[in-house]
N, C-alpha and C. Protein backbone atom coordinates (compact mmCIF):
# COMPACT_ATOMS: atom_id res chain seq x y z
N UNK A 1 -74.49 54.65 -4.19
CA UNK A 1 -73.19 55.23 -3.89
C UNK A 1 -72.79 54.95 -2.43
N UNK A 2 -73.75 54.92 -1.54
CA UNK A 2 -73.45 54.73 -0.12
C UNK A 2 -74.01 53.41 0.39
N UNK A 3 -73.91 52.40 -0.43
CA UNK A 3 -74.37 51.07 -0.03
C UNK A 3 -73.27 50.35 0.73
N UNK A 4 -73.65 49.65 1.76
CA UNK A 4 -72.70 48.90 2.58
C UNK A 4 -72.07 47.78 1.75
N UNK A 5 -70.77 47.62 1.91
CA UNK A 5 -70.03 46.54 1.27
C UNK A 5 -69.26 45.79 2.37
N UNK A 6 -69.11 44.50 2.20
CA UNK A 6 -68.41 43.70 3.20
C UNK A 6 -66.99 44.20 3.46
N UNK A 7 -66.38 44.79 2.45
CA UNK A 7 -65.00 45.27 2.62
C UNK A 7 -64.92 46.43 3.62
N UNK A 8 -66.04 47.09 3.92
CA UNK A 8 -66.05 48.17 4.91
C UNK A 8 -65.96 47.64 6.33
N UNK A 9 -66.34 46.39 6.52
CA UNK A 9 -66.46 45.82 7.86
C UNK A 9 -65.13 45.78 8.60
N UNK A 10 -65.19 46.23 9.86
CA UNK A 10 -64.03 46.10 10.75
C UNK A 10 -64.22 44.91 11.69
N UNK A 11 -65.26 44.14 11.45
CA UNK A 11 -65.56 42.92 12.22
C UNK A 11 -65.88 43.20 13.68
N UNK A 12 -66.25 44.44 13.97
CA UNK A 12 -66.72 44.84 15.30
C UNK A 12 -68.15 45.33 15.06
N UNK A 13 -69.13 44.57 15.48
CA UNK A 13 -70.51 44.82 15.07
C UNK A 13 -71.00 46.23 15.42
N UNK A 14 -70.65 46.72 16.58
CA UNK A 14 -71.12 48.06 16.96
C UNK A 14 -70.55 49.13 16.03
N UNK A 15 -69.30 49.00 15.66
CA UNK A 15 -68.68 49.96 14.74
C UNK A 15 -69.27 49.81 13.34
N UNK A 16 -69.45 48.58 12.89
CA UNK A 16 -70.05 48.36 11.57
C UNK A 16 -71.45 48.96 11.50
N UNK A 17 -72.24 48.80 12.55
CA UNK A 17 -73.59 49.37 12.55
C UNK A 17 -73.54 50.90 12.51
N UNK A 18 -72.60 51.47 13.21
CA UNK A 18 -72.46 52.93 13.20
C UNK A 18 -71.99 53.40 11.83
N UNK A 19 -71.10 52.69 11.19
CA UNK A 19 -70.66 53.05 9.84
C UNK A 19 -71.83 52.95 8.87
N UNK A 20 -72.67 51.94 9.03
CA UNK A 20 -73.85 51.80 8.18
C UNK A 20 -74.78 53.00 8.34
N UNK A 21 -74.94 53.48 9.56
CA UNK A 21 -75.77 54.66 9.81
C UNK A 21 -75.19 55.89 9.10
N UNK A 22 -73.87 56.04 9.16
CA UNK A 22 -73.24 57.17 8.48
C UNK A 22 -73.45 57.08 6.97
N UNK A 23 -73.36 55.88 6.43
CA UNK A 23 -73.63 55.69 4.99
C UNK A 23 -75.06 56.05 4.66
N UNK A 24 -75.97 55.69 5.53
CA UNK A 24 -77.39 56.00 5.32
C UNK A 24 -77.62 57.51 5.26
N UNK A 25 -76.95 58.24 6.12
CA UNK A 25 -77.07 59.70 6.11
C UNK A 25 -76.48 60.26 4.81
N UNK A 26 -75.35 59.73 4.38
CA UNK A 26 -74.77 60.13 3.10
C UNK A 26 -75.71 59.85 1.94
N UNK A 27 -76.40 58.73 2.01
CA UNK A 27 -77.37 58.36 0.97
C UNK A 27 -78.51 59.38 0.89
N UNK A 28 -78.93 59.89 2.04
CA UNK A 28 -79.97 60.92 2.04
C UNK A 28 -79.53 62.16 1.28
N UNK A 29 -78.28 62.57 1.49
CA UNK A 29 -77.75 63.72 0.75
C UNK A 29 -77.69 63.42 -0.74
N UNK A 30 -77.26 62.21 -1.07
CA UNK A 30 -77.17 61.80 -2.47
C UNK A 30 -78.55 61.83 -3.14
N UNK A 31 -79.57 61.38 -2.44
CA UNK A 31 -80.93 61.39 -2.98
C UNK A 31 -81.39 62.81 -3.30
N UNK A 32 -81.03 63.75 -2.44
CA UNK A 32 -81.41 65.14 -2.68
C UNK A 32 -80.72 65.69 -3.92
N UNK A 33 -79.44 65.48 -4.03
CA UNK A 33 -78.70 66.04 -5.16
C UNK A 33 -79.07 65.34 -6.47
N UNK A 34 -79.58 64.11 -6.37
CA UNK A 34 -79.98 63.36 -7.56
C UNK A 34 -81.32 63.81 -8.12
N UNK A 35 -82.09 64.53 -7.33
CA UNK A 35 -83.39 65.01 -7.78
C UNK A 35 -83.18 66.08 -8.84
N UNK A 36 -83.72 65.85 -10.02
CA UNK A 36 -83.50 66.78 -11.13
C UNK A 36 -84.47 67.96 -11.12
N UNK A 37 -85.39 67.97 -10.20
CA UNK A 37 -86.35 69.07 -10.11
C UNK A 37 -85.73 70.31 -9.51
N UNK A 38 -86.47 71.38 -9.51
CA UNK A 38 -86.01 72.64 -8.94
C UNK A 38 -86.61 72.86 -7.55
N UNK A 39 -86.67 71.82 -6.79
CA UNK A 39 -87.26 71.89 -5.46
C UNK A 39 -86.24 72.46 -4.48
N UNK A 40 -86.71 73.29 -3.59
CA UNK A 40 -85.86 73.87 -2.56
C UNK A 40 -85.75 72.87 -1.41
N UNK A 41 -84.55 72.36 -1.19
CA UNK A 41 -84.31 71.36 -0.14
C UNK A 41 -83.55 71.96 1.05
N UNK A 42 -83.58 73.26 1.19
CA UNK A 42 -82.81 73.92 2.24
C UNK A 42 -83.04 73.27 3.61
N UNK A 43 -84.29 73.17 4.02
CA UNK A 43 -84.59 72.62 5.36
C UNK A 43 -84.08 71.20 5.51
N UNK A 44 -84.26 70.37 4.47
CA UNK A 44 -83.83 68.98 4.54
C UNK A 44 -82.30 68.89 4.62
N UNK A 45 -81.60 69.69 3.82
CA UNK A 45 -80.14 69.65 3.82
C UNK A 45 -79.58 70.09 5.17
N UNK A 46 -80.10 71.17 5.71
CA UNK A 46 -79.64 71.66 7.01
C UNK A 46 -79.89 70.60 8.08
N UNK A 47 -81.05 69.97 8.04
CA UNK A 47 -81.39 68.93 9.03
C UNK A 47 -80.47 67.72 8.89
N UNK A 48 -80.20 67.29 7.67
CA UNK A 48 -79.33 66.14 7.44
C UNK A 48 -77.91 66.45 7.89
N UNK A 49 -77.42 67.63 7.57
CA UNK A 49 -76.07 68.02 8.00
C UNK A 49 -75.96 68.07 9.52
N UNK A 50 -77.00 68.51 10.19
CA UNK A 50 -77.00 68.53 11.65
C UNK A 50 -76.98 67.10 12.21
N UNK A 51 -77.77 66.22 11.61
CA UNK A 51 -77.76 64.82 12.04
C UNK A 51 -76.41 64.18 11.78
N UNK A 52 -75.82 64.51 10.62
CA UNK A 52 -74.49 63.99 10.30
C UNK A 52 -73.47 64.46 11.33
N UNK A 53 -73.52 65.72 11.68
CA UNK A 53 -72.61 66.25 12.69
C UNK A 53 -72.81 65.55 14.03
N UNK A 54 -74.04 65.48 14.48
CA UNK A 54 -74.34 64.84 15.77
C UNK A 54 -73.92 63.37 15.79
N UNK A 55 -74.22 62.67 14.70
CA UNK A 55 -73.92 61.24 14.69
C UNK A 55 -72.42 60.98 14.58
N UNK A 56 -71.71 61.79 13.81
CA UNK A 56 -70.27 61.58 13.72
C UNK A 56 -69.60 61.86 15.06
N UNK A 57 -70.06 62.87 15.76
CA UNK A 57 -69.50 63.15 17.09
C UNK A 57 -69.73 61.95 18.01
N UNK A 58 -70.93 61.42 18.01
CA UNK A 58 -71.24 60.22 18.80
C UNK A 58 -70.35 59.05 18.38
N UNK A 59 -70.30 58.78 17.08
CA UNK A 59 -69.54 57.64 16.58
C UNK A 59 -68.04 57.79 16.88
N UNK A 60 -67.51 58.97 16.62
CA UNK A 60 -66.08 59.17 16.85
C UNK A 60 -65.73 59.01 18.33
N UNK A 61 -66.57 59.51 19.20
CA UNK A 61 -66.33 59.35 20.63
C UNK A 61 -66.33 57.87 21.01
N UNK A 62 -67.30 57.15 20.50
CA UNK A 62 -67.40 55.71 20.76
C UNK A 62 -66.14 55.00 20.28
N UNK A 63 -65.73 55.30 19.07
CA UNK A 63 -64.57 54.67 18.47
C UNK A 63 -63.29 55.02 19.24
N UNK A 64 -63.15 56.27 19.61
CA UNK A 64 -61.97 56.71 20.35
C UNK A 64 -61.90 56.07 21.73
N UNK A 65 -63.03 55.93 22.39
CA UNK A 65 -63.05 55.26 23.70
C UNK A 65 -62.66 53.79 23.55
N UNK A 66 -63.10 53.16 22.50
CA UNK A 66 -62.74 51.77 22.25
C UNK A 66 -61.24 51.64 22.00
N UNK A 67 -60.70 52.53 21.19
CA UNK A 67 -59.26 52.49 20.92
C UNK A 67 -58.45 52.77 22.19
N UNK A 68 -58.92 53.70 23.00
CA UNK A 68 -58.21 54.00 24.26
C UNK A 68 -58.25 52.79 25.19
N UNK A 69 -59.38 52.12 25.26
CA UNK A 69 -59.53 50.95 26.11
C UNK A 69 -58.50 49.88 25.77
N UNK A 70 -58.19 49.75 24.48
CA UNK A 70 -57.25 48.72 24.03
C UNK A 70 -55.86 49.28 23.70
N UNK A 71 -55.60 50.49 24.21
CA UNK A 71 -54.28 51.12 24.08
C UNK A 71 -53.79 51.19 22.63
N UNK A 72 -54.66 51.62 21.75
CA UNK A 72 -54.27 51.77 20.35
C UNK A 72 -53.24 52.89 20.24
N UNK A 73 -52.08 52.58 19.69
CA UNK A 73 -50.95 53.51 19.72
C UNK A 73 -51.07 54.70 18.76
N UNK A 74 -52.00 54.67 17.84
CA UNK A 74 -52.15 55.78 16.89
C UNK A 74 -53.43 56.58 17.18
N UNK A 75 -53.87 56.53 18.42
CA UNK A 75 -55.13 57.18 18.80
C UNK A 75 -55.12 58.68 18.56
N UNK A 76 -54.05 59.36 18.89
CA UNK A 76 -54.03 60.82 18.74
C UNK A 76 -54.18 61.25 17.29
N UNK A 77 -53.49 60.57 16.40
CA UNK A 77 -53.62 60.92 14.98
C UNK A 77 -55.04 60.60 14.48
N UNK A 78 -55.61 59.52 14.98
CA UNK A 78 -56.97 59.15 14.62
C UNK A 78 -57.94 60.23 15.09
N UNK A 79 -57.74 60.72 16.30
CA UNK A 79 -58.59 61.80 16.84
C UNK A 79 -58.49 63.05 15.97
N UNK A 80 -57.29 63.37 15.50
CA UNK A 80 -57.09 64.54 14.64
C UNK A 80 -57.90 64.40 13.35
N UNK A 81 -57.91 63.22 12.78
CA UNK A 81 -58.69 63.00 11.56
C UNK A 81 -60.18 63.13 11.84
N UNK A 82 -60.62 62.62 12.96
CA UNK A 82 -62.02 62.77 13.34
C UNK A 82 -62.38 64.25 13.49
N UNK A 83 -61.51 65.00 14.14
CA UNK A 83 -61.77 66.44 14.34
C UNK A 83 -61.88 67.17 13.01
N UNK A 84 -61.05 66.80 12.05
CA UNK A 84 -61.11 67.43 10.72
C UNK A 84 -62.46 67.16 10.05
N UNK A 85 -62.96 65.94 10.22
CA UNK A 85 -64.25 65.59 9.62
C UNK A 85 -65.36 66.44 10.24
N UNK A 86 -65.39 66.50 11.56
CA UNK A 86 -66.43 67.28 12.24
C UNK A 86 -66.30 68.76 11.88
N UNK A 87 -65.08 69.27 11.82
CA UNK A 87 -64.88 70.68 11.47
C UNK A 87 -65.35 70.98 10.05
N UNK A 88 -65.19 70.03 9.15
CA UNK A 88 -65.68 70.20 7.77
C UNK A 88 -67.19 70.38 7.78
N UNK A 89 -67.87 69.54 8.53
CA UNK A 89 -69.33 69.64 8.61
C UNK A 89 -69.73 70.98 9.24
N UNK A 90 -69.06 71.34 10.33
CA UNK A 90 -69.39 72.58 11.03
C UNK A 90 -69.10 73.82 10.18
N UNK A 91 -68.20 73.69 9.22
CA UNK A 91 -67.82 74.84 8.40
C UNK A 91 -68.90 75.22 7.38
N UNK A 92 -69.84 74.33 7.17
CA UNK A 92 -70.91 74.61 6.21
C UNK A 92 -71.98 75.45 6.89
N UNK A 93 -72.09 76.67 6.45
CA UNK A 93 -73.06 77.58 7.07
C UNK A 93 -74.43 77.42 6.43
N UNK A 94 -75.44 77.82 7.16
CA UNK A 94 -76.79 77.81 6.62
C UNK A 94 -76.88 78.72 5.40
N UNK A 95 -76.14 79.83 5.42
CA UNK A 95 -76.13 80.74 4.27
C UNK A 95 -75.56 80.06 3.04
N UNK A 96 -74.51 79.28 3.22
CA UNK A 96 -73.92 78.56 2.08
C UNK A 96 -74.93 77.58 1.49
N UNK A 97 -75.66 76.88 2.35
CA UNK A 97 -76.69 75.95 1.87
C UNK A 97 -77.76 76.73 1.13
N UNK A 98 -78.16 77.87 1.66
CA UNK A 98 -79.20 78.69 1.04
C UNK A 98 -78.77 79.19 -0.34
N UNK A 99 -77.52 79.56 -0.46
CA UNK A 99 -77.02 80.14 -1.71
C UNK A 99 -76.76 79.09 -2.79
N UNK A 100 -76.31 77.91 -2.39
CA UNK A 100 -75.91 76.92 -3.39
C UNK A 100 -76.14 75.50 -2.87
N UNK A 101 -77.40 75.10 -2.85
CA UNK A 101 -77.75 73.80 -2.28
C UNK A 101 -77.05 72.64 -2.99
N UNK A 102 -77.12 72.62 -4.30
CA UNK A 102 -76.53 71.50 -5.05
C UNK A 102 -75.02 71.44 -4.85
N UNK A 103 -74.37 72.59 -4.92
CA UNK A 103 -72.92 72.63 -4.79
C UNK A 103 -72.47 72.18 -3.40
N UNK A 104 -73.10 72.69 -2.38
CA UNK A 104 -72.76 72.33 -1.00
C UNK A 104 -73.03 70.84 -0.77
N UNK A 105 -74.15 70.37 -1.26
CA UNK A 105 -74.51 68.96 -1.07
C UNK A 105 -73.54 68.04 -1.82
N UNK A 106 -73.19 68.40 -3.06
CA UNK A 106 -72.23 67.60 -3.82
C UNK A 106 -70.87 67.59 -3.14
N UNK A 107 -70.47 68.73 -2.61
CA UNK A 107 -69.20 68.81 -1.90
C UNK A 107 -69.19 67.85 -0.71
N UNK A 108 -70.27 67.82 0.05
CA UNK A 108 -70.34 66.92 1.21
C UNK A 108 -70.38 65.46 0.76
N UNK A 109 -71.08 65.17 -0.31
CA UNK A 109 -71.13 63.80 -0.82
C UNK A 109 -69.73 63.33 -1.20
N UNK A 110 -69.00 64.16 -1.89
CA UNK A 110 -67.64 63.80 -2.30
C UNK A 110 -66.73 63.66 -1.07
N UNK A 111 -66.93 64.53 -0.10
CA UNK A 111 -66.14 64.47 1.13
C UNK A 111 -66.42 63.16 1.87
N UNK A 112 -67.68 62.78 1.99
CA UNK A 112 -68.04 61.54 2.68
C UNK A 112 -67.51 60.33 1.91
N UNK A 113 -67.65 60.34 0.59
CA UNK A 113 -67.14 59.23 -0.23
C UNK A 113 -65.63 59.08 -0.07
N UNK A 114 -64.93 60.20 -0.05
CA UNK A 114 -63.49 60.19 0.15
C UNK A 114 -63.14 59.66 1.54
N UNK A 115 -63.95 60.04 2.53
CA UNK A 115 -63.75 59.58 3.90
C UNK A 115 -63.90 58.07 3.98
N UNK A 116 -64.89 57.54 3.30
CA UNK A 116 -65.11 56.09 3.30
C UNK A 116 -63.88 55.39 2.74
N UNK A 117 -63.41 55.89 1.61
CA UNK A 117 -62.27 55.25 0.94
C UNK A 117 -60.98 55.38 1.75
N UNK A 118 -60.73 56.56 2.29
CA UNK A 118 -59.45 56.79 2.95
C UNK A 118 -59.46 56.49 4.44
N UNK A 119 -60.57 56.72 5.10
CA UNK A 119 -60.59 56.54 6.55
C UNK A 119 -61.15 55.18 6.94
N UNK A 120 -62.36 54.89 6.53
CA UNK A 120 -62.97 53.63 6.96
C UNK A 120 -62.20 52.44 6.39
N UNK A 121 -61.89 52.47 5.09
CA UNK A 121 -61.23 51.33 4.46
C UNK A 121 -59.77 51.18 4.85
N UNK A 122 -59.13 52.25 5.25
CA UNK A 122 -57.70 52.16 5.56
C UNK A 122 -57.42 52.41 7.04
N UNK A 123 -57.74 53.58 7.52
CA UNK A 123 -57.36 53.97 8.88
C UNK A 123 -58.11 53.14 9.92
N UNK A 124 -59.43 53.00 9.77
CA UNK A 124 -60.19 52.22 10.74
C UNK A 124 -59.78 50.75 10.74
N UNK A 125 -59.38 50.25 9.59
CA UNK A 125 -58.97 48.85 9.53
C UNK A 125 -57.65 48.59 10.27
N UNK A 126 -56.91 49.65 10.56
CA UNK A 126 -55.65 49.49 11.31
C UNK A 126 -55.90 49.12 12.76
N UNK A 127 -56.97 49.66 13.35
CA UNK A 127 -57.20 49.37 14.77
C UNK A 127 -57.98 48.08 14.98
N UNK A 128 -58.65 47.59 13.96
CA UNK A 128 -59.53 46.43 14.16
C UNK A 128 -58.77 45.21 14.67
N UNK A 129 -57.59 44.95 14.14
CA UNK A 129 -56.83 43.77 14.57
C UNK A 129 -56.44 43.86 16.04
N UNK A 130 -56.08 45.04 16.47
CA UNK A 130 -55.69 45.23 17.87
C UNK A 130 -56.88 44.99 18.79
N UNK A 131 -58.02 45.56 18.43
CA UNK A 131 -59.22 45.40 19.25
C UNK A 131 -59.68 43.95 19.24
N UNK A 132 -59.72 43.34 18.07
CA UNK A 132 -60.17 41.95 17.97
C UNK A 132 -59.23 40.99 18.68
N UNK A 133 -57.95 41.29 18.65
CA UNK A 133 -56.95 40.46 19.30
C UNK A 133 -57.10 40.46 20.82
N UNK A 134 -57.47 41.61 21.37
CA UNK A 134 -57.58 41.74 22.82
C UNK A 134 -58.97 41.43 23.28
């Protein structure tokens, strides 16, 4: 589900590598929800969500600095979308994970998949030409 595809590429190697890392973290969540056993994954889910939060903050800052460097005219709206993503992750409480691991994990998987389709494939591809051109 979170395998890298050439169509995701923005042709900027540092951004592509960071997107691959985000996909890898999504894959970890997918592996947990795919386990048909009744194993308690609370600690793993909380740890993965924390890594996802930390890495997205790092990635978004990197991306925003790159867009600012090249005077990308839609930077503010891009920042707003990034903030919504981080806020979604931060909104997941440890109690919610404890109460409904599968549901919370599936919700995040669907959110990340939607993000890939709507943000990486569309929104991120808008700035690539500007950056590559300059």
